[in-house]
C-alpha cells in the first residue's frame, strides 16, 4: 500500500511539473505553435522528474554506470511512448472539444493519470529489472 501511495504522490508531483512547465511556456510564447511547444516542454520536464523519482524511490534502481543510466532512461522513455499518446490524446481532445486552457489541462491530468497507471506495470516488467 505504501508503494502505491508513493507512486501516486510522485505521479502528482510529475503532473504538477508538467502543467506548470506548459503554463510557463504558453505565457512566454504566444506564437502559432504555442500549444504544441507547451505540451512538448511539459512532457520533457514531467518525464525527467518522474524518471528520477521512480528510479530512486519506487524501484530502488542503482545504475551501474552513466551508460547504464542512459540505456535505462532510453528504455523508460520508450515505454512511455504509448502512455504519452494517451496523455496527449486526452489533452488535445479536451482542447478541441472545449477550447479552454483550463479544460485542456484537466484533460492532461486525466490522460497522465491513466498513462501513469499503465506505465508502472511496463516499467516494473521491462525497465527497472534488478540483476540476479
C-alpha atoms as a PDB file:
ATOM      1  CA  UNK A   1       0.000   0.000   0.000  1.00  0.00           C
ATOM      2  CA  UNK A   2       2.859   2.380   0.842  1.00  0.00           C
ATOM      3  CA  UNK A   3       4.390   1.863  -2.621  1.00  0.00           C
ATOM      4  CA  UNK A   4       1.090   2.718  -4.331  1.00  0.00           C
ATOM      5  CA  UNK A   5       0.784   5.879  -2.235  1.00  0.00           C
ATOM      6  CA  UNK A   6       4.366   6.942  -3.044  1.00  0.00           C
ATOM      7  CA  UNK A   7       3.788   6.270  -6.724  1.00  0.00           C
ATOM      8  CA  UNK A   8       0.593   8.337  -6.667  1.00  0.00           C
ATOM      9  CA  UNK A   9       2.366  11.214  -4.898  1.00  0.00           C
ATOM     10  CA  UNK A  10       5.234  11.152  -7.400  1.00  0.00           C
ATOM     11  CA  UNK A  11       2.794  10.969 -10.300  1.00  0.00           C
ATOM     12  CA  UNK A  12       1.094  14.039  -8.811  1.00  0.00           C
ATOM     13  CA  UNK A  13       4.423  15.871  -8.494  1.00  0.00           C
ATOM     14  CA  UNK A  14       5.356  14.998 -12.080  1.00  0.00           C
ATOM     15  CA  UNK A  15       1.932  16.068 -13.302  1.00  0.00           C
ATOM     16  CA  UNK A  16       2.309  19.389 -11.487  1.00  0.00           C
ATOM     17  CA  UNK A  17       5.769  19.906 -13.015  1.00  0.00           C
ATOM     18  CA  UNK A  18       4.299  19.100 -16.439  1.00  0.00           C
ATOM     19  CA  UNK A  19       1.367  21.500 -16.134  1.00  0.00           C
ATOM     20  CA  UNK A  20       3.473  24.298 -14.631  1.00  0.00           C
ATOM     21  CA  UNK A  21       6.024  23.922 -17.437  1.00  0.00           C
ATOM     22  CA  UNK A  22       3.233  24.090 -20.003  1.00  0.00           C
ATOM     23  CA  UNK A  23       1.802  27.184 -18.386  1.00  0.00           C
ATOM     24  CA  UNK A  24       5.193  28.929 -18.304  1.00  0.00           C
ATOM     25  CA  UNK A  25       5.804  28.195 -21.990  1.00  0.00           C
ATOM     26  CA  UNK A  26       2.306  29.284 -23.023  1.00  0.00           C
ATOM     27  CA  UNK A  27       2.801  32.582 -21.151  1.00  0.00           C
ATOM     28  CA  UNK A  28       6.226  33.216 -22.709  1.00  0.00           C
ATOM     29  CA  UNK A  29       5.480  32.109 -26.255  1.00  0.00           C
ATOM     30  CA  UNK A  30       2.212  33.048 -27.931  1.00  0.00           C
ATOM     31  CA  UNK A  31       3.079  32.107 -31.491  1.00  0.00           C
ATOM     32  CA  UNK A  32       1.250  29.784 -33.838  1.00  0.00           C
ATOM     33  CA  UNK A  33       2.660  26.606 -32.266  1.00  0.00           C
ATOM     34  CA  UNK A  34       2.436  27.749 -28.646  1.00  0.00           C
ATOM     35  CA  UNK A  35       0.122  24.975 -27.502  1.00  0.00           C
ATOM     36  CA  UNK A  36       2.319  22.280 -29.034  1.00  0.00           C
ATOM     37  CA  UNK A  37       5.527  23.846 -27.683  1.00  0.00           C
ATOM     38  CA  UNK A  38       3.991  23.940 -24.213  1.00  0.00           C
ATOM     39  CA  UNK A  39       2.913  20.286 -24.434  1.00  0.00           C
ATOM     40  CA  UNK A  40       6.421  19.272 -25.539  1.00  0.00           C
ATOM     41  CA  UNK A  41       8.051  21.230 -22.701  1.00  0.00           C
ATOM     42  CA  UNK A  42       5.652  19.766 -20.149  1.00  0.00           C
ATOM     43  CA  UNK A  43       6.228  16.256 -21.445  1.00  0.00           C
ATOM     44  CA  UNK A  44      10.009  16.601 -21.189  1.00  0.00           C
ATOM     45  CA  UNK A  45      10.077  18.135 -17.706  1.00  0.00           C
ATOM     46  CA  UNK A  46       7.462  15.682 -16.420  1.00  0.00           C
ATOM     47  CA  UNK A  47       9.378  12.734 -17.905  1.00  0.00           C
ATOM     48  CA  UNK A  48      12.673  13.762 -16.320  1.00  0.00           C
ATOM     49  CA  UNK A  49      11.051  14.377 -12.942  1.00  0.00           C
ATOM     50  CA  UNK A  50       9.166  11.062 -12.988  1.00  0.00           C
ATOM     51  CA  UNK A  51      12.244   9.103 -14.094  1.00  0.00           C
ATOM     52  CA  UNK A  52      14.363  10.415 -11.226  1.00  0.00           C
ATOM     53  CA  UNK A  53      11.650   9.776  -8.633  1.00  0.00           C
ATOM     54  CA  UNK A  54      10.698   6.315  -9.945  1.00  0.00           C
ATOM     55  CA  UNK A  55      14.270   5.162 -10.315  1.00  0.00           C
ATOM     56  CA  UNK A  56      15.275   6.070  -6.782  1.00  0.00           C
ATOM     57  CA  UNK A  57      12.144   5.826  -4.649  1.00  0.00           C
ATOM     58  CA  UNK A  58       9.835   3.365  -6.399  1.00  0.00           C
ATOM     59  CA  UNK A  59      12.147   0.798  -7.963  1.00  0.00           C
ATOM     60  CA  UNK A  60      15.286   1.448  -5.841  1.00  0.00           C
ATOM     61  CA  UNK A  61      17.330   1.084  -9.001  1.00  0.00           C
ATOM     62  CA  UNK A  62      21.011   1.949  -8.981  1.00  0.00           C
ATOM     63  CA  UNK A  63      22.687   2.406 -12.325  1.00  0.00           C
ATOM     64  CA  UNK A  64      25.995   0.625 -12.754  1.00  0.00           C
ATOM     65  CA  UNK A  65      27.405   3.380 -14.950  1.00  0.00           C
ATOM     66  CA  UNK A  66      26.493   6.503 -16.859  1.00  0.00           C
ATOM     67  CA  UNK A  67      25.982   4.325 -19.934  1.00  0.00           C
ATOM     68  CA  UNK A  68      23.628   2.046 -17.964  1.00  0.00           C
ATOM     69  CA  UNK A  69      21.704   5.081 -16.729  1.00  0.00           C
ATOM     70  CA  UNK A  70      21.390   6.381 -20.291  1.00  0.00           C
ATOM     71  CA  UNK A  71      20.176   2.995 -21.536  1.00  0.00           C
ATOM     72  CA  UNK A  72      17.702   2.765 -18.664  1.00  0.00           C
ATOM     73  CA  UNK A  73      16.389   6.261 -19.370  1.00  0.00           C
ATOM     74  CA  UNK A  74      16.055   5.401 -23.070  1.00  0.00           C
ATOM     75  CA  UNK A  75      14.055   2.266 -22.232  1.00  0.00           C
ATOM     76  CA  UNK A  76      11.981   4.201 -19.678  1.00  0.00           C
ATOM     77  CA  UNK A  77      11.210   6.808 -22.341  1.00  0.00           C
ATOM     78  CA  UNK A  78      10.381   4.142 -24.929  1.00  0.00           C
ATOM     79  CA  UNK A  79       7.908   2.510 -22.528  1.00  0.00           C
ATOM     80  CA  UNK A  80       6.359   5.921 -22.130  1.00  0.00           C
ATOM     81  CA  UNK A  81       5.580   6.397 -25.825  1.00  0.00           C
ATOM     82  CA  UNK A  82       2.216   4.633 -25.690  1.00  0.00           C
ATOM     83  CA  UNK A  83       1.321   6.271 -22.401  1.00  0.00           C
ATOM     84  CA  UNK A  84       2.342   9.657 -23.803  1.00  0.00           C
ATOM     85  CA  UNK A  85      -0.069   9.129 -26.674  1.00  0.00           C
ATOM     86  CA  UNK A  86      -2.828   8.534 -24.102  1.00  0.00           C
ATOM     87  CA  UNK A  87      -1.886  11.765 -22.310  1.00  0.00           C
ATOM     88  CA  UNK A  88      -1.602  13.832 -25.496  1.00  0.00           C
ATOM     89  CA  UNK A  89      -4.826  12.371 -26.866  1.00  0.00           C
ATOM     90  CA  UNK A  90      -6.763  13.350 -23.768  1.00  0.00           C
ATOM     91  CA  UNK A  91      -5.219  16.824 -23.567  1.00  0.00           C
ATOM     92  CA  UNK A  92      -5.693  17.624 -27.237  1.00  0.00           C
ATOM     93  CA  UNK A  93      -9.144  16.015 -27.227  1.00  0.00           C
ATOM     94  CA  UNK A  94     -10.209  18.307 -24.388  1.00  0.00           C
ATOM     95  CA  UNK A  95      -8.687  21.292 -26.211  1.00  0.00           C
ATOM     96  CA  UNK A  96     -10.625  20.590 -29.384  1.00  0.00           C
ATOM     97  CA  UNK A  97     -13.851  19.699 -27.550  1.00  0.00           C
ATOM     98  CA  UNK A  98     -13.922  22.563 -25.066  1.00  0.00           C
ATOM     99  CA  UNK A  99     -11.408  25.130 -26.346  1.00  0.00           C
ATOM    100  CA  UNK A 100     -10.232  26.414 -22.968  1.00  0.00           C
ATOM    101  CA  UNK A 101      -6.833  26.226 -21.312  1.00  0.00           C
ATOM    102  CA  UNK A 102      -8.365  25.095 -18.020  1.00  0.00           C
ATOM    103  CA  UNK A 103     -10.193  22.149 -19.561  1.00  0.00           C
ATOM    104  CA  UNK A 104      -7.177  21.281 -21.716  1.00  0.00           C
ATOM    105  CA  UNK A 105      -5.152  20.982 -18.502  1.00  0.00           C
ATOM    106  CA  UNK A 106      -7.948  18.864 -16.985  1.00  0.00           C
ATOM    107  CA  UNK A 107      -7.654  16.535 -19.987  1.00  0.00           C
ATOM    108  CA  UNK A 108      -3.899  16.431 -19.434  1.00  0.00           C
ATOM    109  CA  UNK A 109      -4.345  15.416 -15.791  1.00  0.00           C
ATOM    110  CA  UNK A 110      -6.811  12.661 -16.733  1.00  0.00           C
ATOM    111  CA  UNK A 111      -4.526  11.417 -19.519  1.00  0.00           C
ATOM    112  CA  UNK A 112      -1.458  11.480 -17.275  1.00  0.00           C
ATOM    113  CA  UNK A 113      -3.296   9.569 -14.555  1.00  0.00           C
ATOM    114  CA  UNK A 114      -4.317   6.800 -16.948  1.00  0.00           C
ATOM    115  CA  UNK A 115      -0.859   6.791 -18.536  1.00  0.00           C
ATOM    116  CA  UNK A 116       0.956   6.514 -15.197  1.00  0.00           C
ATOM    117  CA  UNK A 117      -1.155   3.523 -14.196  1.00  0.00           C
ATOM    118  CA  UNK A 118      -0.142   1.715 -17.378  1.00  0.00           C
ATOM    119  CA  UNK A 119       3.457   2.921 -17.195  1.00  0.00           C
ATOM    120  CA  UNK A 120       4.086   1.478 -13.732  1.00  0.00           C
ATOM    121  CA  UNK A 121       3.348  -2.016 -14.994  1.00  0.00           C
ATOM    122  CA  UNK A 122       5.554  -1.563 -18.055  1.00  0.00           C
ATOM    123  CA  UNK A 123       8.446  -0.126 -16.032  1.00  0.00           C
ATOM    124  CA  UNK A 124       8.282  -2.867 -13.429  1.00  0.00           C
ATOM    125  CA  UNK A 125       8.316  -5.584 -16.057  1.00  0.00           C
ATOM    126  CA  UNK A 126      10.708  -4.195 -18.681  1.00  0.00           C
ATOM    127  CA  UNK A 127      12.785  -1.255 -17.384  1.00  0.00           C
ATOM    128  CA  UNK A 128      13.839  -1.486 -13.758  1.00  0.00           C
ATOM    129  CA  UNK A 129      14.890  -5.112 -13.713  1.00  0.00           C
ATOM    130  CA  UNK A 130      17.383  -5.885 -10.978  1.00  0.00           C
ATOM    131  CA  UNK A 131      20.276  -8.154 -11.742  1.00  0.00           C
ATOM    132  CA  UNK A 132      20.149 -11.544 -10.008  1.00  0.00           C
END
